[in-house]
Amino acid sequence: MTFLAFFGHLAGFVAPAVFIALLLWTVPRLRRAGRAAPGAGLEAFMLVVAGVVVLLGGLVLFDRDGKMATYAALVLVQGTLAWWLHRKR
């Protein structure tokens, strides 16, 4: 496998976690009319890391990628983490 092919597979694997994290990170900021909160970058990083950990757990548990149960767990974990992070303020 070439480096470019490996990078493509890695990007495709991580893309759902990044997409959901960015969605959960930007929507509350749009509702607050652009008020910047301290540590916002850390929140986005935590959401992405939590999502990648869930995807890796699904890969290990099911021995394959792309199971709907993994994606359901991804949304549940990232949604719960985003709720907890925004509840603290």
C-alpha atoms as a PDB file:
ATOM      1  CA  MET A   1       0.000   0.000   0.000  1.00  0.00           C
ATOM      2  CA  THR A   2       1.386   3.367  -0.939  1.00  0.00           C
ATOM      3  CA  PHE A   3       1.513   6.283   1.452  1.00  0.00           C
ATOM      4  CA  LEU A   4      -1.167   8.095  -0.524  1.00  0.00           C
ATOM      5  CA  ALA A   5      -3.505   5.087  -0.386  1.00  0.00           C
ATOM      6  CA  PHE A   6      -2.866   4.703   3.350  1.00  0.00           C
ATOM      7  CA  PHE A   7      -3.606   8.390   3.902  1.00  0.00           C
ATOM      8  CA  GLY A   8      -6.843   8.045   1.937  1.00  0.00           C
ATOM      9  CA  HIS A   9      -7.961   5.079   4.029  1.00  0.00           C
ATOM     10  CA  LEU A  10      -7.038   6.875   7.251  1.00  0.00           C
ATOM     11  CA  ALA A  11      -8.885  10.031   6.199  1.00  0.00           C
ATOM     12  CA  GLY A  12     -11.961   8.000   5.294  1.00  0.00           C
ATOM     13  CA  PHE A  13     -11.848   6.214   8.637  1.00  0.00           C
ATOM     14  CA  VAL A  14     -11.552   9.398  10.704  1.00  0.00           C
ATOM     15  CA  ALA A  15     -13.945  11.534   8.600  1.00  0.00           C
ATOM     16  CA  PRO A  16     -17.182  10.626  10.457  1.00  0.00           C
ATOM     17  CA  ALA A  17     -15.634  11.523  13.825  1.00  0.00           C
ATOM     18  CA  VAL A  18     -14.323  14.846  12.521  1.00  0.00           C
ATOM     19  CA  PHE A  19     -17.615  15.733  10.814  1.00  0.00           C
ATOM     20  CA  ILE A  20     -19.777  15.054  13.872  1.00  0.00           C
ATOM     21  CA  ALA A  21     -17.272  16.825  16.154  1.00  0.00           C
ATOM     22  CA  LEU A  22     -17.223  19.942  13.985  1.00  0.00           C
ATOM     23  CA  LEU A  23     -21.004  19.938  13.778  1.00  0.00           C
ATOM     24  CA  LEU A  24     -21.360  19.641  17.548  1.00  0.00           C
ATOM     25  CA  TRP A  25     -18.683  22.278  18.047  1.00  0.00           C
ATOM     26  CA  THR A  26     -19.984  24.945  15.639  1.00  0.00           C
ATOM     27  CA  VAL A  27     -23.753  24.859  16.143  1.00  0.00           C
ATOM     28  CA  PRO A  28     -23.723  26.143  19.765  1.00  0.00           C
ATOM     29  CA  ARG A  29     -21.310  28.903  18.740  1.00  0.00           C
ATOM     30  CA  LEU A  30     -23.617  30.042  15.967  1.00  0.00           C
ATOM     31  CA  ARG A  31     -26.471  30.257  18.444  1.00  0.00           C
ATOM     32  CA  ARG A  32     -24.413  32.477  20.776  1.00  0.00           C
ATOM     33  CA  ALA A  33     -23.671  34.982  17.977  1.00  0.00           C
ATOM     34  CA  GLY A  34     -19.937  34.465  17.835  1.00  0.00           C
ATOM     35  CA  ARG A  35     -18.957  34.897  21.472  1.00  0.00           C
ATOM     36  CA  ALA A  36     -15.625  33.146  21.768  1.00  0.00           C
ATOM     37  CA  ALA A  37     -15.273  30.889  24.752  1.00  0.00           C
ATOM     38  CA  PRO A  38     -11.885  30.135  26.288  1.00  0.00           C
ATOM     39  CA  GLY A  39     -10.746  26.626  25.556  1.00  0.00           C
ATOM     40  CA  ALA A  40     -12.900  26.232  22.449  1.00  0.00           C
ATOM     41  CA  GLY A  41     -10.077  24.588  20.532  1.00  0.00           C
ATOM     42  CA  LEU A  42      -9.610  22.095  23.338  1.00  0.00           C
ATOM     43  CA  GLU A  43     -13.316  21.211  23.178  1.00  0.00           C
ATOM     44  CA  ALA A  44     -13.063  20.474  19.450  1.00  0.00           C
ATOM     45  CA  PHE A  45      -9.947  18.383  20.016  1.00  0.00           C
ATOM     46  CA  MET A  46     -11.638  16.396  22.800  1.00  0.00           C
ATOM     47  CA  LEU A  47     -14.651  15.694  20.586  1.00  0.00           C
ATOM     48  CA  VAL A  48     -12.465  14.467  17.720  1.00  0.00           C
ATOM     49  CA  VAL A  49     -10.345  12.278  20.002  1.00  0.00           C
ATOM     50  CA  ALA A  50     -13.429  10.754  21.629  1.00  0.00           C
ATOM     51  CA  GLY A  51     -14.863  10.015  18.202  1.00  0.00           C
ATOM     52  CA  VAL A  52     -11.690   8.371  16.929  1.00  0.00           C
ATOM     53  CA  VAL A  53     -11.494   6.239  20.076  1.00  0.00           C
ATOM     54  CA  VAL A  54     -15.077   5.055  19.501  1.00  0.00           C
ATOM     55  CA  LEU A  55     -14.305   4.238  15.854  1.00  0.00           C
ATOM     56  CA  LEU A  56     -11.199   2.310  16.870  1.00  0.00           C
ATOM     57  CA  GLY A  57     -13.201   0.454  19.508  1.00  0.00           C
ATOM     58  CA  GLY A  58     -15.801  -0.496  16.904  1.00  0.00           C
ATOM     59  CA  LEU A  59     -13.059  -1.675  14.555  1.00  0.00           C
ATOM     60  CA  VAL A  60     -11.548  -3.871  17.262  1.00  0.00           C
ATOM     61  CA  LEU A  61     -14.901  -5.149  18.534  1.00  0.00           C
ATOM     62  CA  PHE A  62     -16.466  -5.980  15.159  1.00  0.00           C
ATOM     63  CA  ASP A  63     -13.259  -6.717  13.198  1.00  0.00           C
ATOM     64  CA  ARG A  64     -14.407  -4.346  10.457  1.00  0.00           C
ATOM     65  CA  ASP A  65     -15.186  -0.717   9.855  1.00  0.00           C
ATOM     66  CA  GLY A  66     -18.526   0.855   9.027  1.00  0.00           C
ATOM     67  CA  LYS A  67     -20.972  -0.974  11.292  1.00  0.00           C
ATOM     68  CA  MET A  68     -24.064   1.044  12.140  1.00  0.00           C
ATOM     69  CA  ALA A  69     -23.650   0.174  15.822  1.00  0.00           C
ATOM     70  CA  THR A  70     -20.269   1.923  15.764  1.00  0.00           C
ATOM     71  CA  TYR A  71     -21.769   5.032  14.189  1.00  0.00           C
ATOM     72  CA  ALA A  72     -24.603   5.025  16.727  1.00  0.00           C
ATOM     73  CA  ALA A  73     -22.058   4.812  19.544  1.00  0.00           C
ATOM     74  CA  LEU A  74     -20.072   7.618  17.880  1.00  0.00           C
ATOM     75  CA  VAL A  75     -23.063   9.961  17.900  1.00  0.00           C
ATOM     76  CA  LEU A  76     -24.009   8.953  21.444  1.00  0.00           C
ATOM     77  CA  VAL A  77     -20.510   9.481  22.883  1.00  0.00           C
ATOM     78  CA  GLN A  78     -19.775  12.704  21.056  1.00  0.00           C
ATOM     79  CA  GLY A  79     -23.234  14.108  21.753  1.00  0.00           C
ATOM     80  CA  THR A  80     -22.950  13.304  25.441  1.00  0.00           C
ATOM     81  CA  LEU A  81     -19.489  14.832  25.634  1.00  0.00           C
ATOM     82  CA  ALA A  82     -20.626  17.995  23.827  1.00  0.00           C
ATOM     83  CA  TRP A  83     -23.618  18.297  26.148  1.00  0.00           C
ATOM     84  CA  TRP A  84     -21.385  17.885  29.197  1.00  0.00           C
ATOM     85  CA  LEU A  85     -18.853  20.435  27.932  1.00  0.00           C
ATOM     86  CA  HIS A  86     -21.530  23.055  27.183  1.00  0.00           C
ATOM     87  CA  ARG A  87     -23.425  22.379  30.400  1.00  0.00           C
ATOM     88  CA  LYS A  88     -20.392  23.426  32.445  1.00  0.00           C
ATOM     89  CA  ARG A  89     -20.716  27.034  31.267  1.00  0.00           C
END
